[in-house]
Amino acid sequence: MQQSKELIFNSPHLMRKQIGVTKYWLSQTIGLLALTLFVCCYLIVTPSFAQTKVPLLFGENRNEKGELNPIPERFTSIFAAIEKDHNIQFSLQIYPWNRAVKIASTEGGLIFGLSLTPERAEIFRFSEPVVYQYLWLVTRADQQFPFNTIEDLKGKTIGVVRGSKYGGEFDRLKNVLFKTDDDIDAYGPRLKKLQNRRIDAMIFASPLTNHKEVEALIKTIKIPQENETDLSAHQVTRFSVLPIPVLKDGIRFALLKGKNDKLISDIDRTLSKLSKLNAKQKGRKRDQ
């Protein structure tokens, strides 16, 4: 019986069959390895299908609790359009504004939100304006003053965001014609200074073009209160927005000259396309 088993297992037919099965699985394994190697090589040598990560500096804005406010949708939608058009992915780097500007100025990172000034134009290449912001003067309702030109700020203290620029004339005359109080970009603490009469007015940036709409927006901002006296003062304090803005400011991307001029050109192409689409949509609305 033992001998018959050996004959069966050692039969030439069975051995050929076993060898065939072995060759089959070996060929399948080799094929799978070859396919895996091909895919890996394809991914390595075909970078055009992989998004390029681009660091993007952005100034932080915090609420009354010190928490970061989300980036407005009007900005993120534009970021997404640029990413889609040019197969890139923005890697947001959020810092206090003054630090973000310093990094962009020294290390050469792409920054969003920079105002175009003669001094900055010497070192940065700017995109076309992404959106326009209006720089409004906010006062206590019981301490309004006439404002038509920068000269009307003479002798006053104006609250500003540390590191921000507000136009050539404003920046040239600050701490000469009037004083500035530099602070972080957080609306609540800045309004508290105004509430406590530590400043005469504060700059408030908004895309809104009507000062009454800006007033309504400011009413929704919570001011940090430390005690019941603060709470009582907040309940009776009213704020006003002066009718004439200090500046209509174009918000742009910027990058140190010579770092990546193509990237700014690519961004401008997307902005131009979005501007044309927006104009068409406005035209359709008018025709309806």
Protein backbone atom coordinates (compact mmCIF):
# COMPACT_ATOMS: atom_id res chain seq x y z
CA MET A 1 0.00 0.00 0.00
CA GLN A 2 2.80 2.39 0.91
CA GLN A 3 4.47 1.69 -2.39
CA SER A 4 1.28 2.37 -4.35
CA LYS A 5 0.95 5.74 -2.61
CA GLU A 6 4.49 6.64 -3.58
CA LEU A 7 3.78 5.68 -7.17
CA ILE A 8 0.69 7.86 -7.20
CA PHE A 9 2.40 10.92 -5.71
CA ASN A 10 5.51 10.43 -7.79
CA SER A 11 3.71 9.75 -11.04
CA PRO A 12 5.04 11.80 -13.97
CA HIS A 13 1.53 13.08 -14.78
CA LEU A 14 0.93 14.44 -11.29
CA MET A 15 4.35 15.97 -11.09
CA ARG A 16 3.83 17.75 -14.41
CA LYS A 17 0.52 19.04 -13.08
CA GLN A 18 2.11 20.33 -9.88
CA ILE A 19 4.86 22.03 -11.85
CA GLY A 20 2.21 23.65 -14.07
CA VAL A 21 0.31 24.99 -11.07
CA THR A 22 3.54 26.33 -9.60
CA LYS A 23 4.43 28.05 -12.88
CA TYR A 24 0.93 29.53 -13.07
CA TRP A 25 1.07 31.10 -9.60
CA LEU A 26 4.64 32.24 -10.18
CA SER A 27 3.62 33.95 -13.41
CA GLN A 28 0.67 35.61 -11.63
CA THR A 29 2.92 36.84 -8.83
CA ILE A 30 5.48 38.20 -11.28
CA GLY A 31 2.68 39.88 -13.21
CA LEU A 32 1.30 41.52 -10.06
CA LEU A 33 4.75 42.73 -9.06
CA ALA A 34 5.31 44.12 -12.54
CA LEU A 35 1.96 45.94 -12.43
CA THR A 36 2.75 47.38 -8.99
CA LEU A 37 6.16 48.55 -10.21
CA PHE A 38 4.57 50.13 -13.29
CA VAL A 39 2.02 52.05 -11.21
CA CYS A 40 4.73 53.29 -8.84
CA CYS A 41 6.91 54.43 -11.73
CA TYR A 42 3.90 56.11 -13.36
CA LEU A 43 3.12 58.08 -10.22
CA ILE A 44 6.75 59.13 -9.88
CA VAL A 45 7.30 60.25 -13.46
CA THR A 46 3.84 61.82 -13.92
CA PRO A 47 3.77 64.76 -11.49
CA SER A 48 1.33 66.74 -13.60
CA PHE A 49 -1.51 64.65 -12.17
CA ALA A 50 -0.45 65.28 -8.57
CA GLN A 51 -1.35 68.58 -6.95
CA THR A 52 1.59 70.78 -6.06
CA LYS A 53 1.34 72.10 -2.51
CA VAL A 54 1.82 75.85 -2.22
CA PRO A 55 2.22 77.44 1.24
CA LEU A 56 -0.09 80.45 1.62
CA LEU A 57 0.39 82.97 4.41
CA PHE A 58 -2.83 84.37 5.85
CA GLY A 59 -3.44 86.83 8.70
CA GLU A 60 -5.37 85.48 11.66
CA ASN A 61 -8.61 87.04 12.90
CA ARG A 62 -9.92 86.11 16.34
CA ASN A 63 -13.25 86.44 18.12
CA GLU A 64 -13.88 87.79 21.62
CA LYS A 65 -12.84 84.42 23.13
CA GLY A 66 -9.51 84.46 21.35
CA GLU A 67 -10.59 81.72 18.95
CA LEU A 68 -9.69 81.87 15.28
CA ASN A 69 -12.53 83.00 13.05
CA PRO A 70 -13.05 80.89 9.91
CA ILE A 71 -11.76 82.31 6.65
CA PRO A 72 -14.62 84.04 4.79
CA GLU A 73 -16.22 82.04 1.99
CA ARG A 74 -15.62 84.88 -0.48
CA PHE A 75 -11.90 84.12 -0.08
CA THR A 76 -11.98 80.31 0.12
CA SER A 77 -14.06 80.06 -3.07
CA ILE A 78 -11.39 82.02 -4.93
CA PHE A 79 -8.64 79.87 -3.45
CA ALA A 80 -10.51 76.77 -4.67
CA ALA A 81 -10.87 78.17 -8.20
CA ILE A 82 -7.13 78.90 -8.41
CA GLU A 83 -6.30 75.42 -7.09
CA LYS A 84 -8.53 73.78 -9.68
CA ASP A 85 -7.23 75.83 -12.61
CA HIS A 86 -3.55 75.24 -11.90
CA ASN A 87 -3.53 71.83 -10.19
CA ILE A 88 -2.15 73.19 -6.93
CA GLN A 89 -3.22 72.89 -3.29
CA PHE A 90 -2.81 75.81 -0.92
CA SER A 91 -1.34 74.90 2.45
CA LEU A 92 -2.63 77.65 4.74
CA GLN A 93 -0.18 79.09 7.25
CA ILE A 94 -2.12 81.36 9.61
CA TYR A 95 -0.17 83.86 11.73
CA PRO A 96 -0.71 87.23 13.39
CA TRP A 97 -0.71 89.67 10.50
CA ASN A 98 2.55 91.43 11.36
CA ARG A 99 4.39 88.10 11.52
CA ALA A 100 2.84 86.88 8.25
CA VAL A 101 4.04 90.02 6.47
CA LYS A 102 7.53 89.62 7.96
CA ILE A 103 7.75 86.00 6.77
CA ALA A 104 6.62 87.00 3.28
CA SER A 105 9.15 89.85 3.23
CA THR A 106 12.13 87.79 4.40
CA GLU A 107 11.50 84.16 3.46
CA GLY A 108 9.52 84.78 0.30
CA GLY A 109 6.26 82.93 0.94
CA LEU A 110 3.08 83.67 -1.00
CA ILE A 111 0.80 85.89 1.09
CA PHE A 112 -2.84 86.83 0.70
CA GLY A 113 -4.40 90.09 1.90
CA LEU A 114 -1.52 92.47 1.27
CA SER A 115 -2.29 96.05 0.27
CA LEU A 116 -0.32 97.58 -2.58
CA THR A 117 1.88 100.46 -1.39
CA PRO A 118 4.86 102.13 -3.12
CA GLU A 119 7.27 100.64 -0.55
CA ARG A 120 5.91 97.11 -0.93
CA ALA A 121 5.85 97.38 -4.72
CA GLU A 122 9.65 97.68 -4.65
CA ILE A 123 10.08 94.13 -3.31
CA PHE A 124 6.82 92.30 -4.04
CA ARG A 125 5.09 91.27 -7.22
CA PHE A 126 1.36 91.75 -6.68
CA SER A 127 -1.61 90.05 -8.29
CA GLU A 128 -4.58 91.98 -9.55
CA PRO A 129 -7.11 92.82 -6.79
CA VAL A 130 -9.04 89.77 -5.63
CA VAL A 131 -11.71 91.79 -3.82
CA TYR A 132 -12.03 95.34 -2.57
CA GLN A 133 -12.23 96.23 1.10
CA TYR A 134 -13.48 99.56 2.38
CA LEU A 135 -11.67 100.96 5.41
CA TRP A 136 -14.29 102.57 7.63
CA LEU A 137 -13.89 104.73 10.74
CA VAL A 138 -15.90 103.44 13.71
CA THR A 139 -16.59 105.80 16.65
CA ARG A 140 -18.73 105.83 19.75
CA ALA A 141 -22.15 107.17 18.75
CA ASP A 142 -21.70 110.04 21.24
CA GLN A 143 -18.25 110.95 19.90
CA GLN A 144 -18.72 111.23 16.14
CA PHE A 145 -16.72 113.83 14.23
CA PRO A 146 -16.77 115.17 10.66
CA PHE A 147 -14.51 113.24 8.30
CA ASN A 148 -13.80 114.13 4.68
CA THR A 149 -10.01 113.99 4.40
CA ILE A 150 -7.08 112.65 6.42
CA GLU A 151 -6.58 116.18 7.80
CA ASP A 152 -9.78 115.68 9.83
CA LEU A 153 -7.94 113.13 11.98
CA LYS A 154 -5.63 115.78 13.42
CA GLY A 155 -4.95 115.24 17.14
CA LYS A 156 -6.96 111.99 17.33
CA THR A 157 -5.94 108.45 18.25
CA ILE A 158 -6.99 105.84 15.72
CA GLY A 159 -7.02 102.09 16.42
CA VAL A 160 -5.35 100.04 13.67
CA VAL A 161 -4.26 96.43 13.13
CA ARG A 162 -0.58 95.97 13.87
CA GLY A 163 1.43 95.60 10.65
CA SER A 164 -1.38 96.74 8.33
CA LYS A 165 -1.09 99.48 5.72
CA TYR A 166 -3.91 101.94 5.08
CA GLY A 167 -2.79 103.91 2.06
CA GLY A 168 0.11 106.25 1.36
CA GLU A 169 -1.39 109.40 2.88
CA PHE A 170 -2.67 107.67 6.03
CA ASP A 171 0.61 105.83 6.61
CA ARG A 172 2.68 108.95 5.93
CA LEU A 173 0.78 111.09 8.45
CA LYS A 174 0.23 108.55 11.24
CA ASN A 175 2.01 109.51 14.45
CA VAL A 176 2.61 112.91 12.86
CA LEU A 177 -0.85 114.41 12.30
CA PHE A 178 -2.61 111.84 14.47
CA LYS A 179 -1.64 108.92 16.71
CA THR A 180 -2.27 105.25 16.06
CA ASP A 181 -2.94 102.47 18.56
CA ASP A 182 -1.64 99.17 17.16
CA ASP A 183 -3.49 96.02 18.16
CA ILE A 184 -4.19 92.45 17.06
CA ASP A 185 -6.78 91.76 14.40
CA ALA A 186 -9.63 90.96 16.79
CA TYR A 187 -12.75 93.13 16.61
CA GLY A 188 -14.00 92.61 20.16
CA PRO A 189 -10.92 93.85 22.06
CA ARG A 190 -10.52 96.79 19.68
CA LEU A 191 -14.15 97.85 20.16
CA LYS A 192 -13.63 97.57 23.92
CA LYS A 193 -10.86 100.19 23.68
CA LEU A 194 -13.28 102.42 21.79
CA GLN A 195 -16.00 101.76 24.36
CA ASN A 196 -13.59 102.79 27.16
CA ARG A 197 -12.52 105.95 25.27
CA ARG A 198 -8.93 104.82 24.95
CA ILE A 199 -9.12 105.64 21.23
CA ASP A 200 -11.22 108.13 19.26
CA ALA A 201 -11.97 105.79 16.36
CA MET A 202 -10.87 102.49 14.89
CA ILE A 203 -10.35 101.28 11.34
CA PHE A 204 -12.79 98.54 10.33
CA ALA A 205 -12.22 96.73 7.03
CA SER A 206 -15.28 95.39 5.21
CA PRO A 207 -16.40 94.63 1.65
CA LEU A 208 -19.71 96.38 2.46
CA THR A 209 -20.10 99.66 0.61
CA ASN A 210 -22.77 101.26 2.81
CA HIS A 211 -21.78 102.60 6.24
CA LYS A 212 -25.18 101.77 7.74
CA GLU A 213 -24.74 98.12 6.77
CA VAL A 214 -21.35 98.18 8.48
CA GLU A 215 -22.99 99.61 11.62
CA ALA A 216 -25.47 96.74 11.61
CA LEU A 217 -22.59 94.27 11.29
CA ILE A 218 -20.70 95.83 14.21
CA LYS A 219 -23.77 95.47 16.45
CA THR A 220 -23.41 91.70 16.14
CA ILE A 221 -19.82 91.66 17.44
CA LYS A 222 -19.44 90.59 21.06
CA ILE A 223 -17.17 92.68 23.26
CA PRO A 224 -15.30 90.89 26.06
CA GLN A 225 -16.66 91.96 29.46
CA GLU A 226 -14.70 91.46 32.69
CA ASN A 227 -17.37 92.43 35.24
CA GLU A 228 -20.92 93.75 35.66
CA THR A 229 -19.73 97.34 35.22
CA ASP A 230 -18.29 96.43 31.82
CA LEU A 231 -21.54 94.66 30.89
CA SER A 232 -23.60 97.70 31.88
CA ALA A 233 -21.33 100.00 29.86
CA HIS A 234 -21.63 97.71 26.84
CA GLN A 235 -25.43 97.76 27.04
CA VAL A 236 -25.54 101.56 26.78
CA THR A 237 -22.63 102.07 24.35
CA ARG A 238 -23.58 102.53 20.73
CA PHE A 239 -21.17 102.67 17.83
CA SER A 240 -21.38 104.67 14.62
CA VAL A 241 -19.61 104.35 11.29
CA LEU A 242 -18.63 107.61 9.60
CA PRO A 243 -20.17 107.92 6.10
CA ILE A 244 -16.95 108.35 4.12
CA PRO A 245 -14.38 105.51 4.10
CA VAL A 246 -10.71 106.22 4.63
CA LEU A 247 -9.76 104.09 1.64
CA LYS A 248 -11.01 101.63 -0.95
CA ASP A 249 -8.34 98.97 -0.69
CA GLY A 250 -7.63 96.18 -3.17
CA ILE A 251 -6.87 92.85 -1.47
CA ARG A 252 -4.20 90.93 -3.37
CA PHE A 253 -1.82 88.01 -3.45
CA ALA A 254 1.87 88.95 -3.28
CA LEU A 255 5.22 87.21 -3.58
CA LEU A 256 8.79 88.48 -3.45
CA LYS A 257 9.96 89.49 -6.93
CA GLY A 258 11.80 86.74 -8.76
CA LYS A 259 10.59 83.95 -6.45
CA ASN A 260 7.83 82.54 -8.67
CA ASP A 261 6.54 85.07 -11.19
CA LYS A 262 4.67 82.31 -13.05
CA LEU A 263 2.51 81.62 -9.99
CA ILE A 264 1.34 85.24 -9.82
CA SER A 265 0.64 85.17 -13.58
CA ASP A 266 -1.40 81.97 -13.14
CA ILE A 267 -3.37 83.55 -10.30
CA ASP A 268 -4.09 86.62 -12.44
CA ARG A 269 -5.45 84.43 -15.25
CA THR A 270 -7.93 82.81 -12.87
CA LEU A 271 -8.93 86.18 -11.39
CA SER A 272 -9.54 87.53 -14.91
CA LYS A 273 -11.73 84.52 -15.75
CA LEU A 274 -13.72 84.89 -12.52
CA SER A 275 -14.18 88.62 -13.17
CA LYS A 276 -15.62 87.91 -16.64
CA LEU A 277 -17.97 85.23 -15.27
CA ASN A 278 -19.13 87.61 -12.55
CA ALA A 279 -19.79 90.35 -15.11
CA LYS A 280 -21.87 87.92 -17.21
CA GLN A 281 -23.93 86.88 -14.18
CA LYS A 282 -24.61 90.52 -13.29
CA GLY A 283 -25.65 91.14 -16.90
CA ARG A 284 -28.13 88.27 -16.82
CA LYS A 285 -29.64 89.57 -13.57
CA ARG A 286 -30.12 93.01 -15.10
CA ASP A 287 -31.82 91.48 -18.13
CA GLN A 288 -34.30 89.48 -16.03
